[in-house]
Amino acid sequence: MSARERWLQRYAEAEQAGRIRDADFSTLSGIEVDPAYGPHEDSPDEADEHGGWPGEFPYTRGLHASGYRGRMWTIRQFAGFGNAAQTNKRFHDILAGGGGGLSVAFDMPTLMGRDSDEPLSLGEVGHCGVAIDSAADLEVLFDGIPLEQTTTSMTISGPAVPVFCMYLVAAERQGADLSKLDGTLQTDIFKEYIAQKEWLFPPEPHLRLIGDLMAYCVEKIPRYKPLSVSGYHIREAGSTAAQELAFTLADGFAYVELGLARGLDIERFAPGLSFFFDAHIDFFEEIAKFRAARRIWARWLRDRYGARSPKAQQLRFHTQTAGVSLAAKQPDNNIVRTAIEALAAVLGGTQSLHTNALDEVLALPSDRASRIALRTQHVIAEETGVANVADPLGGSWFIEELTDRIEADAERLFDQIKDLAALEVPSGNHPVGEMTSGILRGIEDGWFIGEIADAAFAHQRALEKGEKKMVGVNSHTDEADADDQLAILRISHEVETEQRAVLARRRAARDDAEVDRRLAAMADAARGDGNMVESMLDAARAEATLGEICGVLKREWGEYREPAQF
């Protein structure tokens, strides 16, 4: 059976099963379009595995034969500010406005595993996301939002596991069946050491926690994706598209090695790995990057790690438009940038998408800016026709050549990471694979930091010389633009005052002796080699705070200090 025939069979099966949307699949002028297009049957490229058909290994052209005809991408708006009640209201507005899922942004104290009343939290509570101190805050955050029926993504890495435990407690208090929860937890700690710098512990204990979470979700919450491997922050730090792709997939391979080292079945845990990519402004390069990502992941998972089922080989990813591409000057241009980047993500086959607001370069998005960002996705989905055909740019000479080029560049970077592994295998309590060893050595030596810094410097120099253009910044500037003023969202200091007061009341109302017992049990678990999720979940049920839980682990494992680089 040819590739074309296999694709036709899979599409027909989707139709018969009722998995094709009830929609008009024709152009604005009434021309009916096919679900996918490819080489003619007598073409020598017909059976070419390199490109293939949608839903065909190595999934260059998408994961499903039906593309978005079967299921649209999830419109998932990233939101979080102030306290849990304020963000809860924004969540309800997003869902009422047509959002298909929620994505939680946390404030800096939460991202660093600190309570709102700690000295280092002063002035930061609720400013870059929502403040979360205990499971009670998660209850308020999702009040009136049935977690059993809502996919929820949480963008947090260092304290991801304790925050996830608090999320489970909130779901329990709603009466939800935890086995039915669906969503994504970022959890990816490698990208923190490489780019974002929000870590708590040294790499080994972080990996231990991630392995525990992977095992727990495979067994208890099979629909939930416990690990979203993030390239977004790598790209925002200044990497090239190929570096974003290579470093992110390398991190993903390391987590596969972690799962295998824990004795987990790759066919069960690999589908729980998802990815988070940046959609930057170079339209065709981004589309090619996404296509190359699927191809590389499928081949490595099959040929190197032994995954046999399509679900274990397929790369699923969320996309966010590039925050670093936004400009404070002429901010209305950011609407255009975001629309172009979102379109690239869709044409690249993303499973879910967040569109940035025009004012995010200045502050958290206002209601109006968030609504424009949301409607940008609605226009793409409902007016442009791009969802009618799977991989509509597949077969374009330029797109295929660019996909091949980015793939080749990424493979060269993989070779460099493997070369780092050959220098020294890091010590630790768990066996590690070649990619894991290379990443740990690259973090220790500052190799990743240096590669990204060189790329960021080259791009900045090109902007300053005018070789690369940015409208309103070094091109088409206008003196009148200096008078443009946006009404931006400002977080009142009262949010911090109230959050600290609420935290004090909750501490006073809880059973401190029970909290101490459960924290002590968690410390015992940290000294052993059993799965830590249950003991952490018990601590969250007793209303132990995030700072208390992370504080126990810091005392057991120590805190990470980045080596000085010169």
Protein backbone atom coordinates (compact mmCIF):
# COMPACT_ATOMS: atom_id res chain seq x y z
CA MET A 1 0.00 0.00 0.00
CA SER A 2 1.42 3.40 -0.98
CA ALA A 3 1.75 6.33 1.40
CA ARG A 4 -1.12 8.06 -0.41
CA GLU A 5 -3.36 5.03 0.02
CA ARG A 6 -2.49 4.74 3.71
CA TRP A 7 -3.34 8.41 4.18
CA LEU A 8 -6.66 8.02 2.35
CA GLN A 9 -7.52 5.04 4.52
CA ARG A 10 -6.76 6.89 7.76
CA TYR A 11 -8.74 9.93 6.65
CA ALA A 12 -11.71 7.72 5.71
CA GLU A 13 -11.53 6.06 9.15
CA ALA A 14 -11.63 9.49 10.81
CA GLU A 15 -14.69 10.42 8.74
CA GLN A 16 -16.48 7.19 9.60
CA ALA A 17 -15.73 7.68 13.30
CA GLY A 18 -17.21 11.19 13.20
CA ARG A 19 -13.89 12.87 13.95
CA ILE A 20 -14.11 15.45 11.15
CA ARG A 21 -15.47 18.86 12.07
CA ASP A 22 -18.79 19.97 10.62
CA ALA A 23 -17.47 22.93 8.63
CA ASP A 24 -17.28 24.44 5.16
CA PHE A 25 -14.02 23.24 3.57
CA SER A 26 -14.00 25.54 0.58
CA THR A 27 -12.33 28.81 -0.35
CA LEU A 28 -14.03 32.18 -0.02
CA SER A 29 -14.95 31.87 -3.69
CA GLY A 30 -16.49 28.43 -3.22
CA ILE A 31 -13.69 26.19 -4.49
CA GLU A 32 -13.74 22.86 -2.66
CA VAL A 33 -10.32 21.88 -1.28
CA ASP A 34 -8.99 18.43 -0.44
CA PRO A 35 -7.94 17.53 3.12
CA ALA A 36 -4.29 17.28 2.02
CA TYR A 37 -2.16 17.52 -1.09
CA GLY A 38 0.95 15.61 -2.09
CA PRO A 39 2.96 14.18 -4.98
CA HIS A 40 1.17 12.57 -7.90
CA GLU A 41 0.79 8.81 -7.59
CA ASP A 42 3.42 8.16 -10.27
CA SER A 43 5.91 10.56 -8.69
CA PRO A 44 9.20 9.05 -7.49
CA ASP A 45 8.64 10.98 -4.25
CA GLU A 46 5.33 9.26 -3.56
CA ALA A 47 6.72 6.87 -0.94
CA ASP A 48 9.37 9.23 0.39
CA GLU A 49 9.47 8.81 4.18
CA HIS A 50 11.37 12.10 4.40
CA GLY A 51 8.25 14.13 3.68
CA GLY A 52 5.41 11.66 3.61
CA TRP A 53 1.77 12.49 4.14
CA PRO A 54 0.00 13.98 7.16
CA GLY A 55 -0.24 11.38 9.90
CA GLU A 56 2.59 9.33 8.35
CA PHE A 57 5.94 8.67 10.07
CA PRO A 58 8.06 10.75 10.66
CA TYR A 59 5.15 13.20 10.96
CA THR A 60 6.91 16.05 9.16
CA ARG A 61 3.54 17.05 7.76
CA GLY A 62 1.59 16.70 10.99
CA LEU A 63 0.42 14.11 13.48
CA HIS A 64 -3.01 13.39 12.00
CA ALA A 65 -4.24 12.52 8.53
CA SER A 66 -7.09 15.00 8.92
CA GLY A 67 -5.00 17.95 10.15
CA TYR A 68 -7.19 20.63 11.71
CA ARG A 69 -10.22 19.25 9.92
CA GLY A 70 -10.35 16.71 12.71
CA ARG A 71 -9.57 18.93 15.66
CA MET A 72 -8.61 22.58 15.83
CA TRP A 73 -5.70 23.71 17.92
CA THR A 74 -6.54 24.66 21.50
CA ILE A 75 -6.82 28.42 21.96
CA ARG A 76 -5.00 28.69 25.26
CA GLN A 77 -4.46 32.19 26.67
CA PHE A 78 -1.66 32.67 29.23
CA ALA A 79 -2.99 34.62 32.21
CA GLY A 80 -2.15 35.37 35.80
CA PHE A 81 -1.79 38.54 37.87
CA GLY A 82 -2.44 39.83 41.35
CA ASN A 83 -4.12 37.32 43.64
CA ALA A 84 -6.01 34.12 42.89
CA ALA A 85 -9.43 35.80 42.90
CA GLN A 86 -8.39 38.40 40.32
CA THR A 87 -6.92 35.78 38.01
CA ASN A 88 -9.96 33.56 38.47
CA LYS A 89 -12.11 36.37 37.06
CA ARG A 90 -9.77 36.65 34.04
CA PHE A 91 -9.99 32.87 33.53
CA HIS A 92 -13.78 33.02 33.45
CA ASP A 93 -13.58 35.86 30.92
CA ILE A 94 -11.18 33.84 28.72
CA LEU A 95 -13.44 30.77 28.75
CA ALA A 96 -16.56 32.86 28.10
CA GLY A 97 -14.77 34.62 25.24
CA GLY A 98 -14.00 31.39 23.39
CA GLY A 99 -10.74 30.23 24.97
CA GLY A 100 -10.36 26.46 24.86
CA GLY A 101 -7.98 26.00 27.78
CA LEU A 102 -6.23 27.84 30.58
CA SER A 103 -2.55 28.62 30.98
CA VAL A 104 -1.40 29.89 34.38
CA ALA A 105 1.29 32.54 34.80
CA PHE A 106 2.82 32.69 38.29
CA ASP A 107 4.50 35.60 40.02
CA MET A 108 8.24 35.62 40.72
CA PRO A 109 8.05 34.54 44.39
CA THR A 110 5.99 31.49 43.35
CA LEU A 111 8.38 30.69 40.50
CA MET A 112 11.24 30.75 43.01
CA GLY A 113 9.41 28.61 45.59
CA ARG A 114 8.96 31.45 48.09
CA ASP A 115 5.99 32.52 50.17
CA SER A 116 4.51 35.97 49.69
CA ASP A 117 5.63 37.12 53.12
CA GLU A 118 9.31 36.26 52.69
CA PRO A 119 11.71 39.24 52.58
CA LEU A 120 12.88 38.42 49.05
CA SER A 121 9.25 38.52 47.85
CA LEU A 122 8.83 42.17 48.78
CA GLY A 123 7.59 44.24 45.84
CA GLU A 124 7.11 41.23 43.54
CA VAL A 125 3.87 39.66 44.78
CA GLY A 126 1.34 39.37 41.97
CA HIS A 127 3.34 41.45 39.50
CA CYS A 128 4.36 39.04 36.73
CA GLY A 129 1.70 36.44 37.47
CA VAL A 130 -0.60 35.17 40.15
CA ALA A 131 0.61 34.71 43.74
CA ILE A 132 0.25 31.16 45.06
CA ASP A 133 1.17 30.24 48.64
CA SER A 134 -0.83 27.09 49.37
CA ALA A 135 -3.49 24.72 48.07
CA ALA A 136 -6.17 27.17 49.26
CA ASP A 137 -4.96 29.67 46.64
CA LEU A 138 -5.36 27.02 43.92
CA GLU A 139 -8.91 26.43 45.15
CA VAL A 140 -9.70 30.11 44.68
CA LEU A 141 -7.85 30.24 41.36
CA PHE A 142 -10.07 27.56 39.85
CA ASP A 143 -13.29 28.38 41.68
CA GLY A 144 -16.24 27.66 39.40
CA ILE A 145 -13.98 26.03 36.80
CA PRO A 146 -14.43 22.22 36.79
CA LEU A 147 -10.87 20.90 36.58
CA GLU A 148 -12.09 17.49 35.47
CA GLN A 149 -13.42 19.15 32.30
CA THR A 150 -10.81 21.88 31.69
CA THR A 151 -7.31 21.40 30.29
CA THR A 152 -4.94 23.47 32.36
CA SER A 153 -1.34 24.34 31.61
CA MET A 154 0.94 25.64 34.36
CA THR A 155 4.12 27.45 33.40
CA ILE A 156 6.42 26.70 36.30
CA SER A 157 9.58 24.65 36.62
CA GLY A 158 11.59 24.86 39.86
CA PRO A 159 8.67 24.32 42.27
CA ALA A 160 6.53 22.54 39.67
CA VAL A 161 5.96 19.36 41.68
CA PRO A 162 4.71 21.03 44.91
CA VAL A 163 2.50 23.41 42.90
CA PHE A 164 1.12 20.41 40.99
CA CYS A 165 0.35 18.70 44.31
CA MET A 166 -1.57 21.81 45.38
CA TYR A 167 -3.47 21.66 42.06
CA LEU A 168 -4.39 18.03 42.83
CA VAL A 169 -5.64 19.05 46.28
CA ALA A 170 -7.78 21.78 44.70
CA ALA A 171 -9.21 19.18 42.30
CA GLU A 172 -9.90 16.80 45.20
CA ARG A 173 -11.76 19.56 47.03
CA GLN A 174 -13.91 20.03 43.92
CA GLY A 175 -14.73 16.32 44.04
CA ALA A 176 -12.91 15.63 40.77
CA ASP A 177 -11.74 12.20 39.68
CA LEU A 178 -7.98 12.81 39.54
CA SER A 179 -7.48 10.10 36.92
CA LYS A 180 -9.49 12.24 34.49
CA LEU A 181 -7.45 15.43 34.87
CA ASP A 182 -5.92 16.70 31.65
CA GLY A 183 -3.35 19.40 31.12
CA THR A 184 0.33 20.16 31.05
CA LEU A 185 2.93 21.04 33.66
CA GLN A 186 6.11 22.64 32.41
CA THR A 187 8.49 21.05 34.97
CA ASP A 188 11.45 21.30 32.54
CA ILE A 189 14.40 22.23 34.75
CA PHE A 190 17.12 21.98 32.09
CA LYS A 191 15.93 25.12 30.34
CA GLU A 192 16.21 26.98 33.64
CA TYR A 193 19.92 26.19 33.91
CA ILE A 194 20.34 26.92 30.19
CA ALA A 195 18.28 30.10 29.79
CA GLN A 196 15.69 31.32 32.28
CA LYS A 197 17.63 30.93 35.57
CA GLU A 198 14.70 30.12 37.88
CA TRP A 199 16.02 27.06 39.73
CA LEU A 200 15.96 25.85 43.32
CA PHE A 201 18.17 22.80 43.78
CA PRO A 202 21.19 21.28 42.02
CA PRO A 203 20.34 19.31 38.84
CA GLU A 204 20.35 15.79 40.34
CA PRO A 205 17.58 16.28 42.94
CA HIS A 206 15.55 18.25 40.40
CA LEU A 207 15.79 15.29 38.03
CA ARG A 208 14.80 12.96 40.85
CA LEU A 209 11.60 14.99 41.43
CA ILE A 210 10.82 15.02 37.71
CA GLY A 211 11.29 11.26 37.51
CA ASP A 212 8.97 10.81 40.49
CA LEU A 213 6.33 12.98 38.84
CA MET A 214 6.59 11.11 35.53
CA ALA A 215 6.13 7.77 37.30
CA TYR A 216 3.21 9.09 39.38
CA CYS A 217 1.32 10.47 36.39
CA VAL A 218 1.84 7.33 34.29
CA GLU A 219 0.30 5.30 37.10
CA LYS A 220 -2.33 7.63 38.55
CA ILE A 221 -3.17 10.43 36.06
CA PRO A 222 -2.53 8.98 32.58
CA ARG A 223 -4.10 11.83 30.60
CA TYR A 224 -2.02 14.52 32.25
CA LYS A 225 1.27 15.56 30.63
CA PRO A 226 3.70 16.06 33.52
CA LEU A 227 6.55 17.49 31.52
CA SER A 228 6.43 20.23 28.91
CA VAL A 229 9.93 20.67 27.52
CA SER A 230 10.39 24.36 26.85
CA GLY A 231 12.27 25.93 24.00
CA TYR A 232 10.39 29.19 24.38
CA HIS A 233 12.69 30.59 27.04
CA ILE A 234 15.77 29.45 25.15
CA ARG A 235 14.63 31.43 22.12
CA GLU A 236 13.63 34.43 24.20
CA ALA A 237 17.16 34.44 25.64
CA GLY A 238 18.50 35.06 22.13
CA SER A 239 19.10 31.69 20.49
CA THR A 240 18.69 30.98 16.80
CA ALA A 241 15.83 28.81 15.53
CA ALA A 242 18.17 25.83 15.13
CA GLN A 243 19.57 26.30 18.64
CA GLU A 244 16.07 26.53 20.10
CA LEU A 245 15.13 23.33 18.31
CA ALA A 246 18.31 21.40 19.14
CA PHE A 247 18.62 22.41 22.78
CA THR A 248 14.93 21.76 23.42
CA LEU A 249 14.88 18.34 21.77
CA ALA A 250 18.14 17.42 23.49
CA ASP A 251 16.45 18.24 26.82
CA GLY A 252 13.54 16.04 25.73
CA PHE A 253 15.89 13.16 24.89
CA ALA A 254 17.44 13.52 28.35
CA TYR A 255 14.01 13.18 29.96
CA VAL A 256 13.41 10.07 27.86
CA GLU A 257 16.68 8.71 29.24
CA LEU A 258 15.49 9.61 32.74
CA GLY A 259 12.25 7.69 32.25
CA LEU A 260 14.08 4.66 30.90
CA ALA A 261 16.55 4.79 33.80
CA ARG A 262 13.56 4.74 36.18
CA GLY A 263 12.32 1.56 34.50
CA LEU A 264 9.27 3.21 32.94
CA ASP A 265 7.73 1.85 29.76
CA ILE A 266 8.52 4.27 26.92
CA GLU A 267 5.22 3.45 25.24
CA ARG A 268 3.43 4.76 28.34
CA PHE A 269 5.55 7.72 29.45
CA ALA A 270 6.69 9.20 26.11
CA PRO A 271 3.13 10.34 25.16
CA GLY A 272 3.18 12.36 28.40
CA LEU A 273 6.07 14.49 27.16
CA SER A 274 5.00 17.63 25.34
CA PHE A 275 6.91 20.66 24.05
CA PHE A 276 6.62 24.42 24.21
CA PHE A 277 8.09 26.42 21.34
CA ASP A 278 8.48 30.07 20.41
CA ALA A 279 6.91 31.38 17.20
CA HIS A 280 9.24 34.17 16.09
CA ILE A 281 8.80 36.71 13.31
CA ASP A 282 10.69 34.97 10.46
CA PHE A 283 7.60 33.35 8.99
CA PHE A 284 8.98 30.51 6.87
CA GLU A 285 11.85 29.67 9.22
CA GLU A 286 9.39 29.08 12.05
CA ILE A 287 7.18 26.81 9.95
CA ALA A 288 10.23 24.80 8.89
CA LYS A 289 11.40 24.58 12.52
CA PHE A 290 8.14 23.01 13.65
CA ARG A 291 8.16 20.49 10.79
CA ALA A 292 11.79 19.55 11.50
CA ALA A 293 11.00 19.12 15.20
CA ARG A 294 8.39 16.43 14.54
CA ARG A 295 10.68 14.60 12.12
CA ILE A 296 13.71 14.57 14.41
CA TRP A 297 11.75 13.53 17.49
CA ALA A 298 10.01 10.65 15.70
CA ARG A 299 13.24 9.24 14.29
CA TRP A 300 15.20 9.54 17.51
CA LEU A 301 12.41 8.00 19.58
CA ARG A 302 12.09 5.08 17.18
CA ASP A 303 15.68 4.45 16.19
CA ARG A 304 17.59 5.41 19.34
CA TYR A 305 15.15 4.83 22.18
CA GLY A 306 13.04 2.00 20.78
CA ALA A 307 9.56 3.55 20.79
CA ARG A 308 7.27 1.56 18.50
CA SER A 309 3.78 3.06 18.79
CA PRO A 310 2.87 6.24 16.91
CA LYS A 311 1.77 7.94 20.15
CA ALA A 312 5.20 7.37 21.67
CA GLN A 313 6.94 8.72 18.54
CA GLN A 314 4.82 11.81 17.98
CA LEU A 315 5.93 15.24 19.13
CA ARG A 316 3.09 17.37 20.49
CA PHE A 317 3.68 21.02 21.15
CA HIS A 318 2.22 24.26 22.42
CA THR A 319 3.33 27.54 20.87
CA GLN A 320 3.50 31.08 22.16
CA THR A 321 4.19 34.03 19.91
CA ALA A 322 7.53 35.71 20.56
CA GLY A 323 7.55 38.15 23.44
CA VAL A 324 11.05 39.23 22.46
CA SER A 325 9.78 40.35 19.04
CA LEU A 326 7.47 42.95 20.59
CA ALA A 327 8.53 46.60 20.75
CA ALA A 328 7.63 49.40 23.14
CA LYS A 329 7.81 51.89 20.27
CA GLN A 330 4.75 51.95 17.99
CA PRO A 331 3.14 49.17 20.09
CA ASP A 332 0.19 48.74 17.72
CA ASN A 333 2.65 47.06 15.34
CA ASN A 334 2.80 44.26 17.87
CA ILE A 335 -0.69 43.17 16.82
CA VAL A 336 0.64 42.54 13.31
CA ARG A 337 3.73 40.73 14.56
CA THR A 338 1.63 38.48 16.77
CA ALA A 339 -0.79 37.63 13.95
CA ILE A 340 2.06 36.64 11.62
CA GLU A 341 3.73 34.55 14.30
CA ALA A 342 0.44 32.85 15.21
CA LEU A 343 -0.17 32.02 11.56
CA ALA A 344 3.30 30.44 11.34
CA ALA A 345 2.50 28.28 14.38
CA VAL A 346 -0.75 27.10 12.81
CA LEU A 347 0.85 26.36 9.45
CA GLY A 348 3.56 24.51 11.38
CA GLY A 349 0.94 22.27 12.99
CA THR A 350 0.81 23.36 16.64
CA GLN A 351 -1.57 21.59 19.02
CA SER A 352 -2.27 24.69 21.10
CA LEU A 353 -1.44 28.36 20.88
CA HIS A 354 -1.11 31.49 23.01
CA THR A 355 -1.02 34.87 21.31
CA ASN A 356 0.78 37.70 23.08
CA ALA A 357 -0.92 41.00 23.75
CA LEU A 358 0.32 44.25 22.21
CA ASP A 359 1.23 45.77 25.59
CA GLU A 360 3.13 42.82 27.09
CA VAL A 361 6.43 44.51 26.35
CA LEU A 362 5.42 47.13 28.93
CA ALA A 363 3.33 45.29 31.53
CA LEU A 364 0.89 42.46 32.10
CA PRO A 365 -1.78 42.62 29.38
CA SER A 366 -4.85 44.80 29.81
CA ASP A 367 -8.32 43.39 29.22
CA ARG A 368 -8.56 45.08 25.83
CA ALA A 369 -5.14 43.89 24.69
CA SER A 370 -5.92 40.34 25.82
CA ARG A 371 -9.17 40.39 23.88
CA ILE A 372 -7.39 41.50 20.69
CA ALA A 373 -4.86 38.68 21.16
CA LEU A 374 -7.65 36.15 21.61
CA ARG A 375 -9.58 37.42 18.57
CA THR A 376 -6.40 37.13 16.50
CA GLN A 377 -6.63 33.37 16.90
CA HIS A 378 -10.35 33.37 16.14
CA VAL A 379 -9.77 35.25 12.87
CA ILE A 380 -7.05 32.81 11.82
CA ALA A 381 -9.23 29.82 12.74
CA GLU A 382 -12.51 30.97 11.23
CA GLU A 383 -11.75 33.37 8.37
CA THR A 384 -8.47 32.47 6.66
CA GLY A 385 -9.16 28.89 5.56
CA VAL A 386 -5.73 27.71 6.75
CA ALA A 387 -7.33 24.97 8.86
CA ASN A 388 -8.99 23.35 5.85
CA VAL A 389 -5.88 21.61 4.50
CA ALA A 390 -3.24 19.67 6.42
CA ASP A 391 0.29 21.07 5.94
CA PRO A 392 -0.72 23.32 3.02
CA LEU A 393 2.91 24.41 2.45
CA GLY A 394 4.23 20.83 2.26
CA GLY A 395 6.07 20.28 -1.03
CA SER A 396 7.11 23.90 -1.37
CA TRP A 397 10.71 23.82 -2.56
CA PHE A 398 11.64 26.59 -0.15
CA ILE A 399 9.85 25.09 2.87
CA GLU A 400 11.25 21.61 2.28
CA GLU A 401 14.81 22.89 1.79
CA LEU A 402 14.56 25.10 4.90
CA THR A 403 13.17 22.17 6.92
CA ASP A 404 16.12 20.03 5.82
CA ARG A 405 18.60 22.80 6.65
CA ILE A 406 17.27 23.38 10.15
CA GLU A 407 17.21 19.63 10.78
CA ALA A 408 20.85 19.32 9.67
CA ASP A 409 21.90 22.28 11.86
CA ALA A 410 20.15 20.70 14.84
CA GLU A 411 21.85 17.36 14.26
CA ARG A 412 25.25 19.08 14.27
CA LEU A 413 24.40 20.62 17.63
CA PHE A 414 23.36 17.19 18.95
CA ASP A 415 26.80 15.92 17.97
CA GLN A 416 28.41 18.73 19.95
CA ILE A 417 26.33 17.88 23.02
CA LYS A 418 27.33 14.22 22.70
CA ASP A 419 30.96 15.32 22.46
CA LEU A 420 30.51 17.10 25.79
CA ALA A 421 29.25 13.84 27.28
CA ALA A 422 32.46 12.11 26.25
CA LEU A 423 34.50 14.51 28.38
CA GLU A 424 33.06 13.41 31.70
CA VAL A 425 30.02 11.56 32.99
CA PRO A 426 28.49 13.57 35.86
CA SER A 427 28.18 11.78 39.16
CA GLY A 428 24.78 11.10 40.66
CA ASN A 429 22.48 8.58 42.24
CA HIS A 430 20.73 7.64 39.02
CA PRO A 431 22.18 6.25 35.80
CA VAL A 432 22.15 8.77 32.99
CA GLY A 433 22.34 8.48 29.24
CA GLU A 434 24.63 10.14 26.76
CA MET A 435 22.40 13.14 26.07
CA THR A 436 21.78 13.72 29.77
CA SER A 437 25.51 13.63 30.46
CA GLY A 438 26.19 16.09 27.66
CA ILE A 439 23.55 18.52 28.89
CA LEU A 440 24.80 18.39 32.48
CA ARG A 441 28.37 18.99 31.32
CA GLY A 442 27.23 21.81 29.03
CA ILE A 443 25.42 23.47 31.93
CA GLU A 444 28.43 23.09 34.22
CA ASP A 445 30.86 24.46 31.63
CA GLY A 446 28.61 27.31 30.48
CA TRP A 447 28.55 25.96 26.92
CA PHE A 448 24.82 26.59 26.40
CA ILE A 449 25.07 30.08 27.86
CA GLY A 450 27.96 30.90 25.52
CA GLU A 451 26.21 29.61 22.41
CA ILE A 452 23.05 31.59 23.13
CA ALA A 453 24.98 34.72 24.09
CA ASP A 454 26.92 34.65 20.81
CA ALA A 455 23.67 34.33 18.83
CA ALA A 456 21.97 37.12 20.80
CA PHE A 457 24.96 39.41 20.32
CA ALA A 458 25.05 38.77 16.56
CA HIS A 459 21.35 39.60 16.24
CA GLN A 460 21.62 42.76 18.33
CA ARG A 461 24.60 43.95 16.31
CA ALA A 462 22.65 43.35 13.08
CA LEU A 463 19.78 45.47 14.44
CA GLU A 464 22.08 48.27 15.48
CA LYS A 465 23.80 48.29 12.09
CA GLY A 466 20.42 48.28 10.32
CA GLU A 467 21.13 44.96 8.63
CA LYS A 468 18.01 43.53 10.26
CA LYS A 469 14.94 45.75 10.38
CA MET A 470 12.40 46.27 13.15
CA VAL A 471 9.60 48.62 12.23
CA GLY A 472 9.28 51.52 14.64
CA VAL A 473 12.64 50.72 16.22
CA ASN A 474 15.27 51.12 13.49
CA SER A 475 12.95 51.45 10.49
CA HIS A 476 9.94 53.71 9.74
CA THR A 477 10.38 55.61 12.97
CA ASP A 478 8.29 58.69 13.58
CA GLU A 479 8.76 61.47 16.10
CA ALA A 480 5.02 61.52 16.76
CA ASP A 481 5.18 57.97 18.07
CA ALA A 482 6.85 59.24 21.22
CA ASP A 483 3.49 60.68 22.24
CA ASP A 484 1.70 57.32 22.01
CA GLN A 485 0.57 56.23 25.44
CA LEU A 486 -1.00 52.91 26.36
CA ALA A 487 -3.23 52.43 29.36
CA ILE A 488 -1.33 49.55 30.94
CA LEU A 489 -2.32 47.22 33.76
CA ARG A 490 -0.72 48.16 37.07
CA ILE A 491 -0.74 45.90 40.13
CA SER A 492 -1.54 47.76 43.33
CA HIS A 493 0.65 47.29 46.39
CA GLU A 494 -2.59 46.42 48.16
CA VAL A 495 -2.45 43.03 46.41
CA GLU A 496 0.74 42.17 48.29
CA THR A 497 -0.61 43.52 51.58
CA GLU A 498 -3.80 41.48 51.24
CA GLN A 499 -1.99 38.32 50.10
CA ARG A 500 0.29 38.46 53.13
CA ALA A 501 -2.72 39.00 55.42
CA VAL A 502 -4.60 36.04 53.89
CA LEU A 503 -1.51 33.86 54.29
CA ALA A 504 -1.24 34.84 57.97
CA ARG A 505 -4.92 33.97 58.55
CA ARG A 506 -4.53 30.59 56.89
CA ARG A 507 -1.46 29.78 58.94
CA ALA A 508 -3.35 30.68 62.10
CA ALA A 509 -6.31 28.48 61.17
CA ARG A 510 -4.41 25.30 60.23
CA ASP A 511 -3.09 22.50 62.46
CA ASP A 512 0.60 23.40 62.72
CA ALA A 513 1.50 20.12 64.43
CA GLU A 514 0.01 18.18 61.53
CA VAL A 515 1.86 20.38 59.05
CA ASP A 516 5.12 19.71 60.87
CA ARG A 517 4.50 15.94 60.86
CA ARG A 518 3.84 15.90 57.14
CA LEU A 519 6.83 18.09 56.33
CA ALA A 520 9.01 15.77 58.42
CA ALA A 521 7.66 12.78 56.49
CA MET A 522 8.49 14.57 53.26
CA ALA A 523 12.05 15.19 54.51
CA ASP A 524 12.38 11.47 55.28
CA ALA A 525 11.20 10.67 51.76
CA ALA A 526 13.77 13.09 50.32
CA ARG A 527 16.54 11.18 52.12
CA GLY A 528 15.33 7.88 50.68
CA ASP A 529 14.78 6.75 47.11
CA GLY A 530 11.01 6.28 47.04
CA ASN A 531 8.54 8.41 45.08
CA MET A 532 8.13 11.79 46.78
CA VAL A 533 4.82 12.84 45.25
CA GLU A 534 2.58 11.19 47.87
CA SER A 535 4.41 12.76 50.83
CA MET A 536 4.37 16.16 49.12
CA LEU A 537 0.67 15.74 48.36
CA ASP A 538 0.01 15.02 52.05
CA ALA A 539 1.86 18.20 53.01
CA ALA A 540 -0.23 20.22 50.53
CA ARG A 541 -3.44 18.72 51.95
CA ALA A 542 -2.44 20.01 55.38
CA GLU A 543 -1.98 23.53 53.91
CA ALA A 544 1.80 23.52 54.12
CA THR A 545 2.93 26.53 52.13
CA LEU A 546 5.06 26.50 49.02
CA GLY A 547 7.91 28.19 50.86
CA GLU A 548 7.76 25.61 53.65
CA ILE A 549 7.80 22.65 51.26
CA CYS A 550 10.64 24.07 49.17
CA GLY A 551 12.48 25.10 52.33
CA VAL A 552 12.52 21.49 53.56
CA LEU A 553 13.95 20.31 50.25
CA LYS A 554 16.58 23.06 50.17
CA ARG A 555 17.78 21.98 53.60
CA GLU A 556 18.01 18.38 52.41
CA TRP A 557 19.47 18.94 48.97
CA GLY A 558 21.07 22.37 49.05
CA GLU A 559 20.58 25.25 46.61
CA TYR A 560 22.10 25.60 43.16
CA ARG A 561 24.66 28.29 42.46
CA GLU A 562 25.55 28.94 38.84
CA PRO A 563 29.29 28.71 38.12
CA ALA A 564 30.87 32.06 37.28
CA GLN A 565 31.49 32.59 33.57
CA PHE A 566 33.99 35.06 32.13
